[in-house]
């Protein structure tokens, strides 16, 4: 450690006393972080029920100890001693805000000194307060992709284009097996296209001889949005399908949405018994109005993401850009180490986040309708089980290793004595073999159907989507005219 510096400490404008500050590293790297050579505490952190502040800081900002503080003797000022006892007994830290950084003064026990001692750790503003609640509740974050992960959506134009494309390929195909595969796929497209056309024309659909009318579903406005929006919606649970209209005034923005089987099982796990296991986020390359409506259909009662959080938690990434957890948590809501991702594509994610992605087979209900049901355990139930195991592994490491060792640390310990902090990615790796075994039948079905029908890329210029690579069929929508269509121009 470098040479100590003497500094005056304040809580707001109240003088607390003086302390010697010892940098952790020598030389320029050990420059003390406090401006104006004084320590001015702005507030105390939220109290933690079971996690000492150092355990939280080591989880969200590993080895971020910048310096150590030791109150001057003879004797220490009583206000500083009271601050120390409050922080130590109530699992709080004293926070110094410097720009976009928080410096947390963590009360430490000492086997030598008889005066208040602190470690100073740095962390991004807001991250500590968000993490306290998550760690106390044993809660992680989960980030969902939408298109081809949880749903597949089509407009009239995308249906017609796919039917036309498959028909052209059938005309030049000699292999009867491939022709049969394409014919069956066309039939599935036509059936759903007719339902969508009926919805556009009459606001009803005929499902197995039964006429089903629309329900007017009011879209609850987000904070700061005054406009009231009511959409016509038809839900067909037996088909795992929903018909909706993104812009209620424009019938051509009607969409046929297929929900991936077992979504209800996964959603129920995330909200079971009112106990929050995961904070939920969405990261998609889809257009924003479309993404918000798709998520509303998936979470109609806003149990997974509250309306107050919806604007921040549905993150739309520009097509061609990489998704990243740093961008998803740009407001400091969670540390990437405490988050897992459910997506059908790995390479769209920043390389440093890829080990935290649970990759599911792309949902292709028209191309490979039997793939989802081929497994004894549906794809999203596998994802649920993986999430459960990852959460269990993370907090087992947190409780049995990190917490235990943090409770043993003293002011005199060195930085290298800090324990390893768990990372969600560590436990996703452990799920790889299980994932391969549970998905191999599903993959076999998809490969078989791929041999039956080789398809060319397609883009729908009428509707927004995630611009996914067409493999084997691009099950979504994109286009330059969407903004005009959604705004009635």
Protein backbone atom coordinates (compact mmCIF):
# COMPACT_ATOMS: atom_id res chain seq x y z
CA UNK A 1 0.00 0.00 0.00
CA UNK A 2 1.02 3.60 -0.59
CA UNK A 3 1.57 6.37 1.92
CA UNK A 4 -1.43 7.40 4.02
CA UNK A 5 -3.18 10.74 3.58
CA UNK A 6 -5.13 12.49 6.31
CA UNK A 7 -8.64 13.63 5.33
CA UNK A 8 -11.60 15.24 7.03
CA UNK A 9 -14.89 13.30 6.86
CA UNK A 10 -18.37 14.81 6.54
CA UNK A 11 -21.91 13.45 6.31
CA UNK A 12 -23.47 16.15 4.19
CA UNK A 13 -22.24 19.28 5.95
CA UNK A 14 -21.85 17.63 9.36
CA UNK A 15 -18.25 17.09 10.40
CA UNK A 16 -17.58 13.49 11.49
CA UNK A 17 -13.89 13.50 12.27
CA UNK A 18 -10.60 12.76 10.54
CA UNK A 19 -9.27 9.56 9.02
CA UNK A 20 -6.06 8.23 7.55
CA UNK A 21 -6.60 6.96 4.02
CA UNK A 22 -4.33 4.21 2.68
CA UNK A 23 -4.27 3.56 -1.09
CA UNK A 24 -4.38 -0.09 -2.10
CA UNK A 25 -1.85 0.26 -4.92
CA UNK A 26 1.39 2.25 -4.91
CA UNK A 27 2.22 5.07 -7.31
CA UNK A 28 -0.21 6.69 -9.78
CA UNK A 29 -2.46 3.60 -9.80
CA UNK A 30 -3.14 4.18 -6.14
CA UNK A 31 -4.44 7.74 -6.54
CA UNK A 32 -7.10 8.41 -3.92
CA UNK A 33 -10.61 8.80 -5.35
CA UNK A 34 -11.87 11.59 -3.09
CA UNK A 35 -12.06 15.08 -4.64
CA UNK A 36 -10.77 18.13 -2.76
CA UNK A 37 -8.91 15.89 -0.31
CA UNK A 38 -12.00 15.36 1.81
CA UNK A 39 -14.54 12.58 2.26
CA UNK A 40 -18.09 13.87 1.95
CA UNK A 41 -20.75 11.19 2.48
CA UNK A 42 -24.03 11.94 0.68
CA UNK A 43 -26.18 9.12 2.09
CA UNK A 44 -26.22 5.63 3.53
CA UNK A 45 -27.02 2.67 1.30
CA UNK A 46 -30.24 0.67 1.77
CA UNK A 47 -30.02 -1.79 4.64
CA UNK A 48 -29.43 -5.40 3.67
CA UNK A 49 -31.34 -8.19 5.38
CA UNK A 50 -28.77 -10.95 5.05
CA UNK A 51 -25.88 -9.81 2.84
CA UNK A 52 -23.06 -7.66 4.25
CA UNK A 53 -22.16 -4.78 1.92
CA UNK A 54 -18.76 -6.24 1.03
CA UNK A 55 -20.44 -9.42 -0.29
CA UNK A 56 -22.73 -7.33 -2.49
CA UNK A 57 -19.87 -5.19 -3.76
CA UNK A 58 -17.66 -8.19 -4.48
CA UNK A 59 -20.51 -9.68 -6.54
CA UNK A 60 -21.26 -6.61 -8.66
CA UNK A 61 -17.80 -4.98 -8.69
CA UNK A 62 -15.18 -7.66 -7.91
CA UNK A 63 -11.89 -6.50 -6.39
CA UNK A 64 -12.93 -2.85 -6.62
CA UNK A 65 -11.41 -1.83 -3.28
CA UNK A 66 -9.74 1.53 -3.91
CA UNK A 67 -8.40 2.34 -0.47
CA UNK A 68 -8.71 1.70 3.26
CA UNK A 69 -9.74 4.22 5.91
CA UNK A 70 -8.85 4.29 9.56
CA UNK A 71 -10.23 6.89 11.97
CA UNK A 72 -7.61 8.95 13.76
CA UNK A 73 -7.25 8.03 17.44
CA UNK A 74 -7.19 10.25 20.53
CA UNK A 75 -10.18 9.45 20.59
CA UNK A 76 -12.26 9.13 17.39
CA UNK A 77 -15.06 11.64 16.99
CA UNK A 78 -18.33 10.19 18.43
CA UNK A 79 -20.25 10.97 15.21
CA UNK A 80 -17.82 8.87 13.20
CA UNK A 81 -18.05 6.06 15.74
CA UNK A 82 -21.87 6.12 15.51
CA UNK A 83 -21.67 6.00 11.70
CA UNK A 84 -19.36 2.99 11.92
CA UNK A 85 -21.68 1.10 14.28
CA UNK A 86 -24.75 1.89 12.16
CA UNK A 87 -23.07 0.59 9.01
CA UNK A 88 -21.62 -2.47 10.72
CA UNK A 89 -24.76 -3.55 12.58
CA UNK A 90 -27.37 -2.70 9.92
CA UNK A 91 -25.46 -3.94 6.85
CA UNK A 92 -25.27 -0.47 5.33
CA UNK A 93 -22.45 1.39 3.63
CA UNK A 94 -21.67 5.11 3.63
CA UNK A 95 -21.82 6.42 0.06
CA UNK A 96 -19.67 9.13 -1.51
CA UNK A 97 -20.89 10.10 -5.00
CA UNK A 98 -18.19 11.18 -7.46
CA UNK A 99 -19.59 11.78 -10.96
CA UNK A 100 -21.12 8.52 -12.24
CA UNK A 101 -19.33 6.51 -9.57
CA UNK A 102 -20.33 5.60 -6.03
CA UNK A 103 -17.64 5.07 -3.41
CA UNK A 104 -18.98 2.77 -0.70
CA UNK A 105 -17.33 2.93 2.71
CA UNK A 106 -17.76 -0.53 4.22
CA UNK A 107 -17.36 -0.88 7.99
CA UNK A 108 -14.77 -3.59 8.68
CA UNK A 109 -13.86 -5.40 11.92
CA UNK A 110 -10.23 -5.21 13.02
CA UNK A 111 -8.12 -7.50 15.18
CA UNK A 112 -5.60 -4.72 15.84
CA UNK A 113 -7.14 -1.28 15.64
CA UNK A 114 -9.52 0.08 18.27
CA UNK A 115 -10.92 2.79 16.00
CA UNK A 116 -13.50 2.69 13.16
CA UNK A 117 -12.07 1.11 10.00
CA UNK A 118 -13.53 1.08 6.48
CA UNK A 119 -12.79 -0.35 3.07
CA UNK A 120 -13.69 1.91 0.14
CA UNK A 121 -15.12 0.16 -2.95
CA UNK A 122 -16.19 1.80 -6.21
CA UNK A 123 -19.27 0.89 -8.24
CA UNK A 124 -21.46 2.45 -10.92
CA UNK A 125 -24.13 4.84 -9.61
CA UNK A 126 -27.39 3.05 -8.80
CA UNK A 127 -26.10 -0.49 -9.25
CA UNK A 128 -25.62 -1.20 -5.54
CA UNK A 129 -29.14 -0.12 -4.56
CA UNK A 130 -30.64 -2.30 -7.31
CA UNK A 131 -28.50 -5.29 -6.36
CA UNK A 132 -29.26 -5.23 -2.62
CA UNK A 133 -32.88 -6.22 -3.14
CA UNK A 134 -32.07 -8.84 -5.78
CA UNK A 135 -29.45 -10.58 -3.65
CA UNK A 136 -31.58 -10.51 -0.52
CA UNK A 137 -34.51 -12.02 -2.43
CA UNK A 138 -32.24 -14.53 -4.18
CA UNK A 139 -33.25 -13.01 -7.50
CA UNK A 140 -31.38 -12.87 -10.81
CA UNK A 141 -32.23 -11.18 -14.13
CA UNK A 142 -33.48 -12.98 -17.24
CA UNK A 143 -33.47 -11.38 -20.71
CA UNK A 144 -35.77 -12.68 -23.45
CA UNK A 145 -35.54 -12.36 -27.20
CA UNK A 146 -38.94 -12.33 -28.93
CA UNK A 147 -39.03 -13.44 -32.59
CA UNK A 148 -38.32 -17.13 -33.15
CA UNK A 149 -37.56 -17.48 -29.44
CA UNK A 150 -40.97 -16.93 -27.85
CA UNK A 151 -43.20 -16.21 -30.86
CA UNK A 152 -43.50 -16.18 -34.65
CA UNK A 153 -45.58 -13.43 -36.27
CA UNK A 154 -46.82 -12.86 -39.83
CA UNK A 155 -48.77 -10.28 -41.82
CA UNK A 156 -50.87 -10.97 -44.92
CA UNK A 157 -47.97 -9.97 -47.11
CA UNK A 158 -45.49 -12.24 -45.40
CA UNK A 159 -47.93 -15.15 -45.66
CA UNK A 160 -48.52 -14.53 -49.37
CA UNK A 161 -44.84 -14.15 -50.17
CA UNK A 162 -43.93 -17.40 -48.46
CA UNK A 163 -46.74 -19.27 -50.19
CA UNK A 164 -45.68 -17.87 -53.56
CA UNK A 165 -42.04 -18.73 -52.97
CA UNK A 166 -42.80 -22.31 -51.93
CA UNK A 167 -45.11 -22.76 -54.93
CA UNK A 168 -42.32 -21.70 -57.31
CA UNK A 169 -39.93 -24.17 -55.76
CA UNK A 170 -42.49 -26.97 -55.96
CA UNK A 171 -42.85 -26.35 -59.71
CA UNK A 172 -39.19 -27.19 -60.30
CA UNK A 173 -38.79 -29.90 -57.68
CA UNK A 174 -38.62 -33.56 -58.77
CA UNK A 175 -38.15 -35.25 -55.39
CA UNK A 176 -41.59 -36.40 -54.19
CA UNK A 177 -40.52 -36.30 -50.53
CA UNK A 178 -39.45 -32.67 -50.83
CA UNK A 179 -42.61 -31.81 -52.75
CA UNK A 180 -44.73 -33.39 -50.02
CA UNK A 181 -42.89 -31.39 -47.36
CA UNK A 182 -43.39 -28.11 -49.20
CA UNK A 183 -47.03 -28.90 -49.90
CA UNK A 184 -47.72 -29.51 -46.22
CA UNK A 185 -45.96 -26.29 -45.30
CA UNK A 186 -48.01 -24.30 -47.84
CA UNK A 187 -51.18 -25.79 -46.38
CA UNK A 188 -50.20 -24.57 -42.89
CA UNK A 189 -49.47 -21.08 -44.20
CA UNK A 190 -52.76 -20.93 -46.13
CA UNK A 191 -54.80 -21.99 -43.11
CA UNK A 192 -53.42 -19.22 -40.92
CA UNK A 193 -53.48 -16.69 -43.75
CA UNK A 194 -57.22 -17.24 -44.17
CA UNK A 195 -57.78 -16.64 -40.47
CA UNK A 196 -55.79 -13.42 -40.66
CA UNK A 197 -57.68 -12.27 -43.78
CA UNK A 198 -61.02 -12.89 -42.05
CA UNK A 199 -59.79 -10.92 -39.03
CA UNK A 200 -58.78 -8.01 -41.26
CA UNK A 201 -62.08 -7.99 -43.17
CA UNK A 202 -64.62 -8.72 -40.43
CA UNK A 203 -62.90 -8.55 -37.03
CA UNK A 204 -63.89 -12.20 -36.58
CA UNK A 205 -62.41 -15.61 -37.40
CA UNK A 206 -64.02 -18.99 -38.03
CA UNK A 207 -62.17 -21.59 -36.01
CA UNK A 208 -63.36 -25.19 -36.50
CA UNK A 209 -66.82 -23.94 -37.50
CA UNK A 210 -67.07 -21.57 -34.53
CA UNK A 211 -67.17 -17.82 -35.13
CA UNK A 212 -64.92 -15.96 -32.71
CA UNK A 213 -65.20 -12.18 -32.38
CA UNK A 214 -62.64 -9.66 -31.25
CA UNK A 215 -62.15 -8.51 -27.70
CA UNK A 216 -61.32 -4.84 -27.27
CA UNK A 217 -58.17 -4.85 -25.16
CA UNK A 218 -57.11 -1.54 -23.69
CA UNK A 219 -53.38 -0.99 -23.73
CA UNK A 220 -52.45 0.52 -20.40
CA UNK A 221 -50.45 3.68 -21.06
CA UNK A 222 -46.91 3.84 -19.79
CA UNK A 223 -45.95 6.67 -17.43
CA UNK A 224 -45.87 9.97 -19.30
CA UNK A 225 -48.07 8.69 -22.16
CA UNK A 226 -51.55 10.19 -22.21
CA UNK A 227 -52.98 8.55 -25.34
CA UNK A 228 -55.50 5.77 -24.70
CA UNK A 229 -55.15 2.85 -27.10
CA UNK A 230 -57.67 0.03 -27.63
CA UNK A 231 -56.71 -2.88 -29.87
CA UNK A 232 -58.97 -5.56 -31.40
CA UNK A 233 -57.59 -8.94 -30.33
CA UNK A 234 -58.64 -12.55 -30.86
CA UNK A 235 -57.01 -15.22 -28.71
CA UNK A 236 -57.11 -18.83 -29.90
CA UNK A 237 -55.53 -20.79 -27.05
CA UNK A 238 -56.06 -24.20 -28.68
CA UNK A 239 -53.92 -23.01 -31.59
CA UNK A 240 -51.41 -21.17 -29.38
CA UNK A 241 -52.28 -18.17 -31.55
CA UNK A 242 -53.31 -14.53 -31.15
CA UNK A 243 -54.47 -12.04 -33.77
CA UNK A 244 -53.89 -8.38 -33.04
CA UNK A 245 -53.60 -5.02 -34.82
CA UNK A 246 -50.56 -2.91 -34.00
CA UNK A 247 -52.22 0.29 -35.20
CA UNK A 248 -55.97 -0.13 -34.52
CA UNK A 249 -56.75 2.42 -37.24
CA UNK A 250 -54.88 0.55 -39.98
CA UNK A 251 -56.14 -2.95 -40.78
CA UNK A 252 -53.01 -3.80 -42.76
CA UNK A 253 -51.03 -3.77 -39.52
CA UNK A 254 -52.92 -6.87 -38.40
CA UNK A 255 -50.65 -9.69 -37.27
CA UNK A 256 -51.05 -13.42 -36.75
CA UNK A 257 -48.89 -14.40 -33.76
CA UNK A 258 -48.02 -17.97 -32.83
CA UNK A 259 -46.91 -18.42 -29.22
CA UNK A 260 -44.27 -21.01 -28.52
CA UNK A 261 -45.67 -24.01 -26.61
CA UNK A 262 -45.00 -24.07 -22.85
CA UNK A 263 -44.69 -20.28 -22.55
CA UNK A 264 -47.33 -20.44 -19.82
CA UNK A 265 -45.22 -22.96 -17.90
CA UNK A 266 -42.18 -20.71 -18.06
CA UNK A 267 -44.20 -17.62 -17.17
CA UNK A 268 -45.80 -19.42 -14.21
CA UNK A 269 -42.39 -20.40 -12.89
CA UNK A 270 -41.25 -16.78 -13.03
CA UNK A 271 -44.27 -15.59 -11.01
CA UNK A 272 -45.09 -18.66 -8.88
CA UNK A 273 -46.52 -17.99 -5.40
CA UNK A 274 -45.75 -14.30 -5.70
CA UNK A 275 -42.07 -15.00 -5.13
CA UNK A 276 -39.88 -13.16 -7.61
CA UNK A 277 -37.12 -15.44 -8.86
CA UNK A 278 -36.04 -13.28 -11.79
CA UNK A 279 -36.26 -9.65 -12.87
CA UNK A 280 -37.46 -9.84 -16.48
CA UNK A 281 -36.13 -7.87 -19.47
CA UNK A 282 -36.62 -8.04 -23.25
CA UNK A 283 -33.91 -7.39 -25.83
CA UNK A 284 -34.99 -7.55 -29.47
CA UNK A 285 -34.13 -6.19 -32.90
CA UNK A 286 -37.82 -5.59 -33.58
CA UNK A 287 -39.49 -2.21 -34.06
CA UNK A 288 -40.58 -0.74 -30.73
CA UNK A 289 -44.39 -0.56 -31.12
CA UNK A 290 -44.41 -4.12 -32.38
CA UNK A 291 -42.14 -5.31 -29.54
CA UNK A 292 -44.30 -3.65 -26.88
CA UNK A 293 -47.48 -5.23 -28.26
CA UNK A 294 -45.92 -8.68 -28.55
CA UNK A 295 -44.76 -8.45 -24.95
CA UNK A 296 -48.22 -7.28 -23.85
CA UNK A 297 -49.68 -10.41 -25.45
CA UNK A 298 -47.14 -12.57 -23.65
CA UNK A 299 -47.57 -10.81 -20.29
CA UNK A 300 -51.14 -9.41 -20.40
CA UNK A 301 -51.40 -8.75 -16.67
CA UNK A 302 -47.96 -7.12 -16.47
CA UNK A 303 -46.83 -9.60 -13.84
CA UNK A 304 -43.37 -10.06 -15.34
CA UNK A 305 -42.64 -6.42 -16.16
CA UNK A 306 -44.67 -3.71 -14.46
CA UNK A 307 -45.99 -0.82 -16.53
CA UNK A 308 -43.72 1.55 -14.63
CA UNK A 309 -40.67 -0.43 -15.78
CA UNK A 310 -41.85 -1.39 -19.26
CA UNK A 311 -40.24 1.48 -21.15
CA UNK A 312 -36.80 0.75 -19.70
CA UNK A 313 -37.00 -3.03 -19.76
CA UNK A 314 -38.08 -3.59 -23.36
CA UNK A 315 -34.86 -2.78 -25.18
CA UNK A 316 -34.88 -2.51 -28.99
CA UNK A 317 -31.51 -2.82 -30.70
CA UNK A 318 -30.86 -1.42 -34.15
CA UNK A 319 -30.63 -4.12 -36.80
CA UNK A 320 -27.03 -5.04 -37.46
CA UNK A 321 -25.88 -3.98 -34.01
CA UNK A 322 -24.80 -6.43 -31.34
CA UNK A 323 -27.01 -7.02 -28.36
CA UNK A 324 -25.27 -6.52 -25.03
CA UNK A 325 -26.21 -6.85 -21.38
CA UNK A 326 -24.42 -3.59 -20.69
CA UNK A 327 -26.94 -1.86 -22.97
CA UNK A 328 -29.89 -3.76 -21.48
CA UNK A 329 -28.83 -2.63 -17.98
CA UNK A 330 -27.77 0.86 -19.03
CA UNK A 331 -29.78 2.35 -16.15
CA UNK A 332 -27.83 0.32 -13.58
CA UNK A 333 -30.67 -2.09 -12.87
CA UNK A 334 -28.48 -5.19 -12.73
CA UNK A 335 -24.92 -6.39 -13.24
CA UNK A 336 -24.40 -8.63 -16.32
CA UNK A 337 -22.88 -11.31 -14.06
CA UNK A 338 -26.31 -11.72 -12.45
CA UNK A 339 -28.22 -12.12 -15.74
CA UNK A 340 -29.00 -14.95 -18.15
CA UNK A 341 -30.37 -14.66 -21.69
CA UNK A 342 -32.90 -16.81 -23.57
CA UNK A 343 -32.35 -16.42 -27.33
CA UNK A 344 -32.40 -18.57 -30.46
CA UNK A 345 -29.15 -17.03 -31.73
CA UNK A 346 -25.83 -16.70 -29.98
CA UNK A 347 -23.84 -14.60 -32.43
CA UNK A 348 -26.13 -11.55 -32.17
CA UNK A 349 -24.78 -11.05 -28.63
CA UNK A 350 -21.61 -9.27 -27.66
CA UNK A 351 -18.82 -11.81 -27.26
CA UNK A 352 -18.35 -11.05 -23.57
CA UNK A 353 -22.02 -11.95 -22.91
CA UNK A 354 -22.24 -15.12 -24.99
CA UNK A 355 -21.41 -17.46 -22.11
CA UNK A 356 -24.54 -16.13 -20.37
CA UNK A 357 -26.87 -17.03 -23.27
CA UNK A 358 -29.05 -20.14 -23.15
CA UNK A 359 -29.60 -20.88 -26.85
CA UNK A 360 -32.92 -22.47 -27.79
CA UNK A 361 -33.76 -23.97 -31.20
CA UNK A 362 -35.44 -21.38 -33.41
CA UNK A 363 -39.22 -21.67 -33.24
CA UNK A 364 -40.41 -22.70 -36.72
CA UNK A 365 -44.08 -23.76 -36.48
CA UNK A 366 -44.66 -23.78 -40.24
CA UNK A 367 -41.36 -25.26 -41.31
CA UNK A 368 -40.98 -27.86 -38.52
CA UNK A 369 -44.31 -28.17 -36.72
CA UNK A 370 -43.43 -31.45 -35.00
CA UNK A 371 -40.12 -30.26 -33.59
CA UNK A 372 -41.62 -28.62 -30.50
CA UNK A 373 -43.63 -31.68 -29.51
CA UNK A 374 -40.93 -34.23 -30.30
CA UNK A 375 -39.31 -33.76 -26.93
CA UNK A 376 -40.79 -35.18 -23.77
CA UNK A 377 -39.82 -31.82 -22.26
CA UNK A 378 -40.81 -28.80 -24.43
CA UNK A 379 -38.11 -26.29 -25.34
CA UNK A 380 -39.36 -23.59 -22.98
CA UNK A 381 -39.69 -26.10 -20.14
CA UNK A 382 -36.04 -26.97 -20.72
CA UNK A 383 -35.30 -23.24 -20.54
CA UNK A 384 -37.27 -23.06 -17.29
CA UNK A 385 -35.27 -25.95 -15.83
CA UNK A 386 -32.00 -24.38 -16.93
CA UNK A 387 -32.98 -21.07 -15.33
CA UNK A 388 -33.89 -22.87 -12.11
CA UNK A 389 -30.57 -24.73 -12.02
CA UNK A 390 -28.54 -21.63 -12.86
CA UNK A 391 -30.21 -19.67 -10.08
CA UNK A 392 -29.63 -22.51 -7.64
CA UNK A 393 -25.97 -22.81 -8.58
CA UNK A 394 -25.37 -19.07 -8.40
CA UNK A 395 -26.79 -18.65 -4.91
CA UNK A 396 -25.24 -21.87 -3.65
CA UNK A 397 -21.84 -20.40 -4.53
CA UNK A 398 -22.87 -17.04 -3.08
CA UNK A 399 -24.00 -18.53 0.25
CA UNK A 400 -21.51 -21.33 0.77
CA UNK A 401 -18.38 -19.64 -0.52
CA UNK A 402 -18.58 -15.88 -0.93
CA UNK A 403 -20.70 -15.03 2.12
CA UNK A 404 -18.81 -17.42 4.38
CA UNK A 405 -15.42 -15.97 3.41
CA UNK A 406 -16.57 -12.35 3.57
CA UNK A 407 -17.70 -12.87 7.17
CA UNK A 408 -14.14 -14.00 7.97
CA UNK A 409 -12.40 -10.95 6.47
CA UNK A 410 -10.80 -8.28 8.65
CA UNK A 411 -9.59 -4.78 7.97
CA UNK A 412 -6.03 -6.12 7.86
CA UNK A 413 -6.72 -8.56 5.00
CA UNK A 414 -5.38 -7.90 1.51
CA UNK A 415 -7.30 -7.49 -1.74
CA UNK A 416 -6.27 -10.99 -2.85
CA UNK A 417 -8.04 -12.45 0.17
CA UNK A 418 -11.41 -11.57 -1.33
CA UNK A 419 -13.37 -14.65 -2.50
CA UNK A 420 -14.35 -15.51 -6.06
CA UNK A 421 -17.67 -13.92 -7.07
CA UNK A 422 -20.23 -16.12 -8.87
CA UNK A 423 -21.16 -15.47 -12.50
CA UNK A 424 -24.33 -16.76 -14.16
CA UNK A 425 -22.20 -17.86 -17.11
CA UNK A 426 -20.41 -20.40 -14.92
CA UNK A 427 -23.64 -22.29 -14.32
CA UNK A 428 -24.95 -22.08 -17.86
CA UNK A 429 -21.82 -23.92 -18.96
CA UNK A 430 -22.73 -26.70 -16.53
CA UNK A 431 -26.08 -27.07 -18.33
CA UNK A 432 -24.59 -27.68 -21.79
CA UNK A 433 -24.66 -31.50 -21.74
CA UNK A 434 -28.17 -31.55 -20.29
CA UNK A 435 -29.26 -29.13 -22.99
CA UNK A 436 -27.76 -31.23 -25.79
CA UNK A 437 -29.50 -34.36 -24.56
CA UNK A 438 -32.88 -32.70 -24.11
CA UNK A 439 -32.83 -30.97 -27.49
CA UNK A 440 -31.31 -33.65 -29.72
CA UNK A 441 -34.67 -35.11 -30.78
CA UNK A 442 -36.00 -31.63 -31.52
CA UNK A 443 -32.90 -30.89 -33.61
CA UNK A 444 -33.25 -34.18 -35.48
CA UNK A 445 -36.82 -33.29 -36.51
CA UNK A 446 -35.72 -29.87 -37.71
CA UNK A 447 -32.82 -31.34 -39.71
CA UNK A 448 -35.13 -33.90 -41.29
CA UNK A 449 -37.62 -31.24 -42.33
CA UNK A 450 -34.76 -29.07 -43.58
CA UNK A 451 -33.85 -31.84 -46.03
CA UNK A 452 -37.43 -31.86 -47.23
CA UNK A 453 -37.65 -28.17 -48.06
CA UNK A 454 -34.80 -25.80 -48.87
CA UNK A 455 -36.11 -22.25 -48.72
CA UNK A 456 -34.79 -18.93 -49.93
CA UNK A 457 -34.65 -15.72 -47.86
CA UNK A 458 -37.69 -13.49 -47.63
CA UNK A 459 -38.28 -9.99 -46.32
CA UNK A 460 -41.68 -8.41 -45.74
CA UNK A 461 -41.57 -4.65 -46.43
CA UNK A 462 -44.78 -4.06 -44.49
CA UNK A 463 -43.90 -4.87 -40.94
CA UNK A 464 -41.18 -4.64 -38.29
CA UNK A 465 -39.27 -7.63 -37.05
CA UNK A 466 -35.97 -8.64 -35.65
CA UNK A 467 -34.17 -8.98 -39.03
CA UNK A 468 -33.10 -12.50 -38.19
CA UNK A 469 -31.01 -14.59 -40.54
CA UNK A 470 -33.25 -16.82 -42.72
CA UNK A 471 -32.44 -20.28 -41.41
CA UNK A 472 -34.28 -22.29 -42.38
CA UNK A 473 -37.22 -19.89 -42.84
CA UNK A 474 -37.19 -16.28 -41.67
CA UNK A 475 -40.23 -16.41 -39.40
CA UNK A 476 -40.76 -12.66 -39.02
CA UNK A 477 -41.21 -9.31 -40.68
CA UNK A 478 -39.18 -6.22 -41.56
CA UNK A 479 -39.29 -3.25 -43.89
CA UNK A 480 -38.72 0.44 -44.50
CA UNK A 481 -42.38 1.45 -44.72
CA UNK A 482 -43.44 0.32 -41.28
CA UNK A 483 -43.22 3.73 -39.62
CA UNK A 484 -45.56 5.24 -42.19
CA UNK A 485 -47.98 2.35 -41.84
CA UNK A 486 -48.07 2.49 -38.07
CA UNK A 487 -48.64 6.23 -38.08
CA UNK A 488 -51.33 6.17 -40.73
CA UNK A 489 -49.36 7.98 -43.40
